[in-house]
Amino acid sequence: MSQTGLGATVALGLVGVAVLLAFVRLLRGPDLANRVVAVDLLSALGVGIAGAAAVLSGDPVYLDVALVLALIAFLGTVAFARYAEQGGHE
């Protein structure tokens, strides 16, 4: 295994741990803002997983997946910010 492959494998392991911790935050809350941040973190971790998969497989199609996921996550964050700005869930 090359150093790049080893680094991507280690990165996937660490991202897996981060996903578990983000799910804990998502389930425990305590409020809506914490849950939205956890979902945003999960989407960022998904981008990292797609990037590591692109490195491991050598297939750049995973980078397209990462780009689309990042754009969707950004739109979700903007939508929540607009919701919170208008009073939202108090």
PDB file of N, CA and C in Angstrom:
ATOM      1  N   MET A   1       0.858  -1.182   0.000  1.00  0.00           N
ATOM      2  CA  MET A   1       0.000   0.000   0.000  1.00  0.00           C
ATOM      3  C   MET A   1       0.899   1.238   0.000  1.00  0.00           C
ATOM      4  N   SER A   2       0.572   2.185  -0.845  1.00  0.00           N
ATOM      5  CA  SER A   2       1.362   3.408  -0.929  1.00  0.00           C
ATOM      6  C   SER A   2       1.065   4.315   0.263  1.00  0.00           C
ATOM      7  N   GLN A   3       1.891   5.330   0.412  1.00  0.00           N
ATOM      8  CA  GLN A   3       1.683   6.269   1.521  1.00  0.00           C
ATOM      9  C   GLN A   3       0.369   7.027   1.354  1.00  0.00           C
ATOM     10  N   THR A   4       0.001   7.317   0.104  1.00  0.00           N
ATOM     11  CA  THR A   4      -1.264   8.013  -0.137  1.00  0.00           C
ATOM     12  C   THR A   4      -2.441   7.141   0.276  1.00  0.00           C
ATOM     13  N   GLY A   5      -2.383   5.871  -0.087  1.00  0.00           N
ATOM     14  CA  GLY A   5      -3.453   4.945   0.290  1.00  0.00           C
ATOM     15  C   GLY A   5      -3.542   4.751   1.788  1.00  0.00           C
ATOM     16  N   LEU A   6      -2.392   4.678   2.436  1.00  0.00           N
ATOM     17  CA  LEU A   6      -2.373   4.534   3.891  1.00  0.00           C
ATOM     18  C   LEU A   6      -2.958   5.767   4.558  1.00  0.00           C
ATOM     19  N   GLY A   7      -2.577   6.940   4.063  1.00  0.00           N
ATOM     20  CA  GLY A   7      -3.120   8.180   4.618  1.00  0.00           C
ATOM     21  C   GLY A   7      -4.624   8.277   4.442  1.00  0.00           C
ATOM     22  N   ALA A   8      -5.126   7.873   3.274  1.00  0.00           N
ATOM     23  CA  ALA A   8      -6.571   7.904   3.031  1.00  0.00           C
ATOM     24  C   ALA A   8      -7.294   6.899   3.922  1.00  0.00           C
ATOM     25  N   THR A   9      -6.675   5.752   4.161  1.00  0.00           N
ATOM     26  CA  THR A   9      -7.294   4.746   5.029  1.00  0.00           C
ATOM     27  C   THR A   9      -7.363   5.242   6.470  1.00  0.00           C
ATOM     28  N   VAL A  10      -6.287   5.853   6.940  1.00  0.00           N
ATOM     29  CA  VAL A  10      -6.282   6.423   8.293  1.00  0.00           C
ATOM     30  C   VAL A  10      -7.321   7.544   8.386  1.00  0.00           C
ATOM     31  N   ALA A  11      -7.391   8.373   7.344  1.00  0.00           N
ATOM     32  CA  ALA A  11      -8.369   9.465   7.333  1.00  0.00           C
ATOM     33  C   ALA A  11      -9.790   8.917   7.402  1.00  0.00           C
ATOM     34  N   LEU A  12     -10.066   7.832   6.681  1.00  0.00           N
ATOM     35  CA  LEU A  12     -11.404   7.238   6.735  1.00  0.00           C
ATOM     36  C   LEU A  12     -11.724   6.721   8.134  1.00  0.00           C
ATOM     37  N   GLY A  13     -10.753   6.143   8.800  1.00  0.00           N
ATOM     38  CA  GLY A  13     -10.974   5.684  10.169  1.00  0.00           C
ATOM     39  C   GLY A  13     -11.285   6.827  11.118  1.00  0.00           C
ATOM     40  N   LEU A  14     -10.529   7.912  11.006  1.00  0.00           N
ATOM     41  CA  LEU A  14     -10.763   9.069  11.869  1.00  0.00           C
ATOM     42  C   LEU A  14     -12.090   9.749  11.550  1.00  0.00           C
ATOM     43  N   VAL A  15     -12.439   9.809  10.283  1.00  0.00           N
ATOM     44  CA  VAL A  15     -13.726  10.393   9.896  1.00  0.00           C
ATOM     45  C   VAL A  15     -14.863   9.517  10.420  1.00  0.00           C
ATOM     46  N   GLY A  16     -14.659   8.209  10.431  1.00  0.00           N
ATOM     47  CA  GLY A  16     -15.678   7.312  10.988  1.00  0.00           C
ATOM     48  C   GLY A  16     -15.947   7.586  12.455  1.00  0.00           C
ATOM     49  N   VAL A  17     -14.888   7.830  13.211  1.00  0.00           N
ATOM     50  CA  VAL A  17     -15.054   8.183  14.628  1.00  0.00           C
ATOM     51  C   VAL A  17     -15.795   9.508  14.751  1.00  0.00           C
ATOM     52  N   ALA A  18     -15.436  10.462  13.906  1.00  0.00           N
ATOM     53  CA  ALA A  18     -16.099  11.769  13.940  1.00  0.00           C
ATOM     54  C   ALA A  18     -17.579  11.651  13.584  1.00  0.00           C
ATOM     55  N   VAL A  19     -17.908  10.747  12.667  1.00  0.00           N
ATOM     56  CA  VAL A  19     -19.325  10.528  12.309  1.00  0.00           C
ATOM     57  C   VAL A  19     -20.094  10.008  13.519  1.00  0.00           C
ATOM     58  N   LEU A  20     -19.512   9.071  14.236  1.00  0.00           N
ATOM     59  CA  LEU A  20     -20.187   8.551  15.431  1.00  0.00           C
ATOM     60  C   LEU A  20     -20.416   9.657  16.462  1.00  0.00           C
ATOM     61  N   LEU A  21     -19.413  10.494  16.690  1.00  0.00           N
ATOM     62  CA  LEU A  21     -19.568  11.582  17.648  1.00  0.00           C
ATOM     63  C   LEU A  21     -20.596  12.609  17.179  1.00  0.00           C
ATOM     64  N   ALA A  22     -20.647  12.865  15.882  1.00  0.00           N
ATOM     65  CA  ALA A  22     -21.643  13.804  15.356  1.00  0.00           C
ATOM     66  C   ALA A  22     -23.048  13.241  15.510  1.00  0.00           C
ATOM     67  N   PHE A  23     -23.208  11.926  15.338  1.00  0.00           N
ATOM     68  CA  PHE A  23     -24.518  11.317  15.539  1.00  0.00           C
ATOM     69  C   PHE A  23     -24.959  11.429  16.998  1.00  0.00           C
ATOM     70  N   VAL A  24     -24.018  11.319  17.916  1.00  0.00           N
ATOM     71  CA  VAL A  24     -24.355  11.493  19.330  1.00  0.00           C
ATOM     72  C   VAL A  24     -24.882  12.907  19.560  1.00  0.00           C
ATOM     73  N   ARG A  25     -24.203  13.909  18.981  1.00  0.00           N
ATOM     74  CA  ARG A  25     -24.659  15.294  19.136  1.00  0.00           C
ATOM     75  C   ARG A  25     -26.014  15.491  18.478  1.00  0.00           C
ATOM     76  N   LEU A  26     -26.225  14.850  17.354  1.00  0.00           N
ATOM     77  CA  LEU A  26     -27.502  14.962  16.662  1.00  0.00           C
ATOM     78  C   LEU A  26     -28.641  14.397  17.511  1.00  0.00           C
ATOM     79  N   LEU A  27     -28.410  13.291  18.157  1.00  0.00           N
ATOM     80  CA  LEU A  27     -29.460  12.656  18.954  1.00  0.00           C
ATOM     81  C   LEU A  27     -29.688  13.347  20.297  1.00  0.00           C
ATOM     82  N   ARG A  28     -28.610  13.850  20.905  1.00  0.00           N
ATOM     83  CA  ARG A  28     -28.732  14.429  22.244  1.00  0.00           C
ATOM     84  C   ARG A  28     -29.186  15.877  22.241  1.00  0.00           C
ATOM     85  N   GLY A  29     -28.979  16.589  21.161  1.00  0.00           N
ATOM     86  CA  GLY A  29     -29.464  17.972  21.094  1.00  0.00           C
ATOM     87  C   GLY A  29     -28.554  18.954  21.770  1.00  0.00           C
ATOM     88  N   PRO A  30     -28.977  19.741  22.688  1.00  0.00           N
ATOM     89  CA  PRO A  30     -30.274  19.835  23.339  1.00  0.00           C
ATOM     90  C   PRO A  30     -31.282  20.721  22.609  1.00  0.00           C
ATOM     91  N   ASP A  31     -30.836  21.508  21.636  1.00  0.00           N
ATOM     92  CA  ASP A  31     -31.797  22.363  20.939  1.00  0.00           C
ATOM     93  C   ASP A  31     -31.621  22.217  19.431  1.00  0.00           C
ATOM     94  N   LEU A  32     -32.460  22.922  18.698  1.00  0.00           N
ATOM     95  CA  LEU A  32     -32.476  22.806  17.243  1.00  0.00           C
ATOM     96  C   LEU A  32     -31.163  23.248  16.616  1.00  0.00           C
ATOM     97  N   ALA A  33     -30.563  24.303  17.135  1.00  0.00           N
ATOM     98  CA  ALA A  33     -29.311  24.805  16.557  1.00  0.00           C
ATOM     99  C   ALA A  33     -28.200  23.761  16.658  1.00  0.00           C
ATOM    100  N   ASN A  34     -28.115  23.065  17.788  1.00  0.00           N
ATOM    101  CA  ASN A  34     -27.109  22.009  17.933  1.00  0.00           C
ATOM    102  C   ASN A  34     -27.343  20.884  16.939  1.00  0.00           C
ATOM    103  N   ARG A  35     -28.579  20.547  16.704  1.00  0.00           N
ATOM    104  CA  ARG A  35     -28.885  19.484  15.746  1.00  0.00           C
ATOM    105  C   ARG A  35     -28.544  19.906  14.318  1.00  0.00           C
ATOM    106  N   VAL A  36     -28.791  21.157  13.987  1.00  0.00           N
ATOM    107  CA  VAL A  36     -28.456  21.654  12.649  1.00  0.00           C
ATOM    108  C   VAL A  36     -26.944  21.666  12.450  1.00  0.00           C
ATOM    109  N   VAL A  37     -26.202  22.058  13.461  1.00  0.00           N
ATOM    110  CA  VAL A  37     -24.745  22.042  13.368  1.00  0.00           C
ATOM    111  C   VAL A  37     -24.249  20.601  13.204  1.00  0.00           C
ATOM    112  N   ALA A  38     -24.868  19.657  13.896  1.00  0.00           N
ATOM    113  CA  ALA A  38     -24.480  18.257  13.765  1.00  0.00           C
ATOM    114  C   ALA A  38     -24.753  17.743  12.352  1.00  0.00           C
ATOM    115  N   VAL A  39     -25.881  18.110  11.770  1.00  0.00           N
ATOM    116  CA  VAL A  39     -26.183  17.691  10.401  1.00  0.00           C
ATOM    117  C   VAL A  39     -25.196  18.334   9.427  1.00  0.00           C
ATOM    118  N   ASP A  40     -24.847  19.585   9.660  1.00  0.00           N
ATOM    119  CA  ASP A  40     -23.869  20.256   8.816  1.00  0.00           C
ATOM    120  C   ASP A  40     -22.504  19.569   8.928  1.00  0.00           C
ATOM    121  N   LEU A  41     -22.132  19.189  10.134  1.00  0.00           N
ATOM    122  CA  LEU A  41     -20.883  18.461  10.334  1.00  0.00           C
ATOM    123  C   LEU A  41     -20.919  17.116   9.625  1.00  0.00           C
ATOM    124  N   LEU A  42     -22.039  16.419   9.705  1.00  0.00           N
ATOM    125  CA  LEU A  42     -22.155  15.129   9.021  1.00  0.00           C
ATOM    126  C   LEU A  42     -22.011  15.289   7.512  1.00  0.00           C
ATOM    127  N   SER A  43     -22.557  16.355   6.964  1.00  0.00           N
ATOM    128  CA  SER A  43     -22.406  16.561   5.527  1.00  0.00           C
ATOM    129  C   SER A  43     -20.957  16.886   5.174  1.00  0.00           C
ATOM    130  N   ALA A  44     -20.272  17.652   6.018  1.00  0.00           N
ATOM    131  CA  ALA A  44     -18.852  17.934   5.779  1.00  0.00           C
ATOM    132  C   ALA A  44     -18.027  16.653   5.874  1.00  0.00           C
ATOM    133  N   LEU A  45     -18.371  15.800   6.810  1.00  0.00           N
ATOM    134  CA  LEU A  45     -17.679  14.523   6.921  1.00  0.00           C
ATOM    135  C   LEU A  45     -17.966  13.636   5.708  1.00  0.00           C
ATOM    136  N   GLY A  46     -19.179  13.739   5.181  1.00  0.00           N
ATOM    137  CA  GLY A  46     -19.499  13.008   3.951  1.00  0.00           C
ATOM    138  C   GLY A  46     -18.639  13.467   2.791  1.00  0.00           C
ATOM    139  N   VAL A  47     -18.371  14.761   2.719  1.00  0.00           N
ATOM    140  CA  VAL A  47     -17.466  15.291   1.685  1.00  0.00           C
ATOM    141  C   VAL A  47     -16.066  14.702   1.883  1.00  0.00           C
ATOM    142  N   GLY A  48     -15.628  14.616   3.116  1.00  0.00           N
ATOM    143  CA  GLY A  48     -14.322  14.015   3.402  1.00  0.00           C
ATOM    144  C   GLY A  48     -14.263  12.545   3.030  1.00  0.00           C
ATOM    145  N   ILE A  49     -15.341  11.829   3.295  1.00  0.00           N
ATOM    146  CA  ILE A  49     -15.402  10.415   2.929  1.00  0.00           C
ATOM    147  C   ILE A  49     -15.340  10.255   1.415  1.00  0.00           C
ATOM    148  N   ALA A  50     -16.065  11.090   0.699  1.00  0.00           N
ATOM    149  CA  ALA A  50     -16.043  11.018  -0.763  1.00  0.00           C
ATOM    150  C   ALA A  50     -14.649  11.355  -1.296  1.00  0.00           C
ATOM    151  N   GLY A  51     -13.985  12.327  -0.690  1.00  0.00           N
ATOM    152  CA  GLY A  51     -12.628  12.664  -1.115  1.00  0.00           C
ATOM    153  C   GLY A  51     -11.647  11.531  -0.863  1.00  0.00           C
ATOM    154  N   ALA A  52     -11.744  10.908   0.297  1.00  0.00           N
ATOM    155  CA  ALA A  52     -10.865   9.776   0.601  1.00  0.00           C
ATOM    156  C   ALA A  52     -11.161   8.595  -0.316  1.00  0.00           C
ATOM    157  N   ALA A  53     -12.433   8.396  -0.635  1.00  0.00           N
ATOM    158  CA  ALA A  53     -12.789   7.316  -1.563  1.00  0.00           C
ATOM    159  C   ALA A  53     -12.219   7.587  -2.946  1.00  0.00           C
ATOM    160  N   ALA A  54     -12.186   8.847  -3.356  1.00  0.00           N
ATOM    161  CA  ALA A  54     -11.598   9.205  -4.655  1.00  0.00           C
ATOM    162  C   ALA A  54     -10.103   8.902  -4.660  1.00  0.00           C
ATOM    163  N   VAL A  55      -9.428   9.174  -3.553  1.00  0.00           N
ATOM    164  CA  VAL A  55      -7.994   8.887  -3.471  1.00  0.00           C
ATOM    165  C   VAL A  55      -7.750   7.385  -3.489  1.00  0.00           C
ATOM    166  N   LEU A  56      -8.532   6.640  -2.708  1.00  0.00           N
ATOM    167  CA  LEU A  56      -8.319   5.198  -2.621  1.00  0.00           C
ATOM    168  C   LEU A  56      -8.623   4.480  -3.930  1.00  0.00           C
ATOM    169  N   SER A  57      -9.695   4.885  -4.593  1.00  0.00           N
ATOM    170  CA  SER A  57     -10.095   4.184  -5.818  1.00  0.00           C
ATOM    171  C   SER A  57      -9.410   4.734  -7.058  1.00  0.00           C
ATOM    172  N   GLY A  58      -8.925   5.960  -6.992  1.00  0.00           N
ATOM    173  CA  GLY A  58      -8.345   6.591  -8.164  1.00  0.00           C
ATOM    174  C   GLY A  58      -9.385   7.047  -9.168  1.00  0.00           C
ATOM    175  N   ASP A  59     -10.645   7.035  -8.758  1.00  0.00           N
ATOM    176  CA  ASP A  59     -11.750   7.414  -9.636  1.00  0.00           C
ATOM    177  C   ASP A  59     -12.243   8.807  -9.248  1.00  0.00           C
ATOM    178  N   PRO A  60     -12.115   9.787 -10.143  1.00  0.00           N
ATOM    179  CA  PRO A  60     -12.495  11.157  -9.779  1.00  0.00           C
ATOM    180  C   PRO A  60     -14.005  11.403  -9.705  1.00  0.00           C
ATOM    181  N   VAL A  61     -14.828  10.414 -10.014  1.00  0.00           N
ATOM    182  CA  VAL A  61     -16.271  10.622  -9.951  1.00  0.00           C
ATOM    183  C   VAL A  61     -16.724  10.907  -8.515  1.00  0.00           C
ATOM    184  N   TYR A  62     -15.982  10.413  -7.540  1.00  0.00           N
ATOM    185  CA  TYR A  62     -16.329  10.678  -6.144  1.00  0.00           C
ATOM    186  C   TYR A  62     -16.171  12.158  -5.798  1.00  0.00           C
ATOM    187  N   LEU A  63     -15.309  12.844  -6.513  1.00  0.00           N
ATOM    188  CA  LEU A  63     -15.152  14.276  -6.276  1.00  0.00           C
ATOM    189  C   LEU A  63     -16.392  15.042  -6.721  1.00  0.00           C
ATOM    190  N   ASP A  64     -17.063  14.564  -7.767  1.00  0.00           N
ATOM    191  CA  ASP A  64     -18.335  15.166  -8.174  1.00  0.00           C
ATOM    192  C   ASP A  64     -19.389  14.977  -7.083  1.00  0.00           C
ATOM    193  N   VAL A  65     -19.398  13.802  -6.493  1.00  0.00           N
ATOM    194  CA  VAL A  65     -20.323  13.532  -5.383  1.00  0.00           C
ATOM    195  C   VAL A  65     -20.034  14.477  -4.224  1.00  0.00           C
ATOM    196  N   ALA A  66     -18.752  14.674  -3.917  1.00  0.00           N
ATOM    197  CA  ALA A  66     -18.367  15.563  -2.818  1.00  0.00           C
ATOM    198  C   ALA A  66     -18.809  16.994  -3.104  1.00  0.00           C
ATOM    199  N   LEU A  67     -18.655  17.433  -4.335  1.00  0.00           N
ATOM    200  CA  LEU A  67     -19.048  18.792  -4.697  1.00  0.00           C
ATOM    201  C   LEU A  67     -20.551  18.998  -4.557  1.00  0.00           C
ATOM    202  N   VAL A  68     -21.338  18.054  -5.046  1.00  0.00           N
ATOM    203  CA  VAL A  68     -22.794  18.163  -4.945  1.00  0.00           C
ATOM    204  C   VAL A  68     -23.230  18.138  -3.478  1.00  0.00           C
ATOM    205  N   LEU A  69     -22.638  17.262  -2.695  1.00  0.00           N
ATOM    206  CA  LEU A  69     -22.980  17.187  -1.271  1.00  0.00           C
ATOM    207  C   LEU A  69     -22.636  18.490  -0.555  1.00  0.00           C
ATOM    208  N   ALA A  70     -21.497  19.083  -0.886  1.00  0.00           N
ATOM    209  CA  ALA A  70     -21.114  20.352  -0.261  1.00  0.00           C
ATOM    210  C   ALA A  70     -22.077  21.469  -0.635  1.00  0.00           C
ATOM    211  N   LEU A  71     -22.514  21.499  -1.882  1.00  0.00           N
ATOM    212  CA  LEU A  71     -23.469  22.532  -2.304  1.00  0.00           C
ATOM    213  C   LEU A  71     -24.816  22.370  -1.609  1.00  0.00           C
ATOM    214  N   ILE A  72     -25.282  21.146  -1.489  1.00  0.00           N
ATOM    215  CA  ILE A  72     -26.560  20.899  -0.817  1.00  0.00           C
ATOM    216  C   ILE A  72     -26.459  21.266   0.670  1.00  0.00           C
ATOM    217  N   ALA A  73     -25.339  20.928   1.298  1.00  0.00           N
ATOM    218  CA  ALA A  73     -25.143  21.272   2.708  1.00  0.00           C
ATOM    219  C   ALA A  73     -25.112  22.784   2.900  1.00  0.00           C
ATOM    220  N   PHE A  74     -24.478  23.491   1.978  1.00  0.00           N
ATOM    221  CA  PHE A  74     -24.429  24.952   2.070  1.00  0.00           C
ATOM    222  C   PHE A  74     -25.837  25.535   1.976  1.00  0.00           C
ATOM    223  N   LEU A  75     -26.635  25.031   1.050  1.00  0.00           N
ATOM    224  CA  LEU A  75     -28.008  25.528   0.917  1.00  0.00           C
ATOM    225  C   LEU A  75     -28.829  25.245   2.172  1.00  0.00           C
ATOM    226  N   GLY A  76     -28.618  24.100   2.778  1.00  0.00           N
ATOM    227  CA  GLY A  76     -29.316  23.783   4.019  1.00  0.00           C
ATOM    228  C   GLY A  76     -28.931  24.716   5.154  1.00  0.00           C
ATOM    229  N   THR A  77     -27.657  25.043   5.231  1.00  0.00           N
ATOM    230  CA  THR A  77     -27.186  25.970   6.267  1.00  0.00           C
ATOM    231  C   THR A  77     -27.762  27.365   6.058  1.00  0.00           C
ATOM    232  N   VAL A  78     -27.791  27.804   4.818  1.00  0.00           N
ATOM    233  CA  VAL A  78     -28.373  29.121   4.515  1.00  0.00           C
ATOM    234  C   VAL A  78     -29.862  29.128   4.845  1.00  0.00           C
ATOM    235  N   ALA A  79     -30.557  28.047   4.530  1.00  0.00           N
ATOM    236  CA  ALA A  79     -31.993  27.969   4.830  1.00  0.00           C
ATOM    237  C   ALA A  79     -32.234  28.037   6.338  1.00  0.00           C
ATOM    238  N   PHE A  80     -31.414  27.329   7.122  1.00  0.00           N
ATOM    239  CA  PHE A  80     -31.591  27.389   8.571  1.00  0.00           C
ATOM    240  C   PHE A  80     -31.274  28.782   9.104  1.00  0.00           C
ATOM    241  N   ALA A  81     -30.236  29.428   8.567  1.00  0.00           N
ATOM    242  CA  ALA A  81     -29.901  30.776   9.025  1.00  0.00           C
ATOM    243  C   ALA A  81     -31.043  31.743   8.742  1.00  0.00           C
ATOM    244  N   ARG A  82     -31.662  31.589   7.598  1.00  0.00           N
ATOM    245  CA  ARG A  82     -32.800  32.450   7.271  1.00  0.00           C
ATOM    246  C   ARG A  82     -33.983  32.170   8.205  1.00  0.00           C
ATOM    247  N   TYR A  83     -34.217  30.907   8.496  1.00  0.00           N
ATOM    248  CA  TYR A  83     -35.281  30.510   9.412  1.00  0.00           C
ATOM    249  C   TYR A  83     -35.034  31.095  10.804  1.00  0.00           C
ATOM    250  N   ALA A  84     -33.791  31.002  11.283  1.00  0.00           N
ATOM    251  CA  ALA A  84     -33.466  31.515  12.604  1.00  0.00           C
ATOM    252  C   ALA A  84     -33.554  33.039  12.641  1.00  0.00           C
ATOM    253  N   GLU A  85     -33.181  33.688  11.558  1.00  0.00           N
ATOM    254  CA  GLU A  85     -33.235  35.145  11.493  1.00  0.00           C
ATOM    255  C   GLU A  85     -34.657  35.664  11.578  1.00  0.00           C
ATOM    256  N   GLN A  86     -35.616  34.927  11.032  1.00  0.00           N
ATOM    257  CA  GLN A  86     -37.001  35.351  11.028  1.00  0.00           C
ATOM    258  C   GLN A  86     -37.748  34.987  12.305  1.00  0.00           C
ATOM    259  N   GLY A  87     -37.036  34.528  13.302  1.00  0.00           N
ATOM    260  CA  GLY A  87     -37.697  34.208  14.565  1.00  0.00           C
ATOM    261  C   GLY A  87     -37.677  32.740  14.837  1.00  0.00           C
ATOM    262  N   GLY A  88     -37.936  31.953  13.834  1.00  0.00           N
ATOM    263  CA  GLY A  88     -37.813  30.499  13.913  1.00  0.00           C
ATOM    264  C   GLY A  88     -38.440  29.871  15.123  1.00  0.00           C
ATOM    265  N   HIS A  89     -37.817  28.825  15.573  1.00  0.00           N
ATOM    266  CA  HIS A  89     -38.269  28.020  16.699  1.00  0.00           C
ATOM    267  C   HIS A  89     -37.670  28.595  17.969  1.00  0.00           C
ATOM    268  N   GLU A  90     -38.489  29.197  18.802  1.00  0.00           N
ATOM    269  CA  GLU A  90     -37.966  29.853  20.011  1.00  0.00           C
ATOM    270  C   GLU A  90     -38.062  28.959  21.202  1.00  0.00           C
TER     271      GLU A  90
END
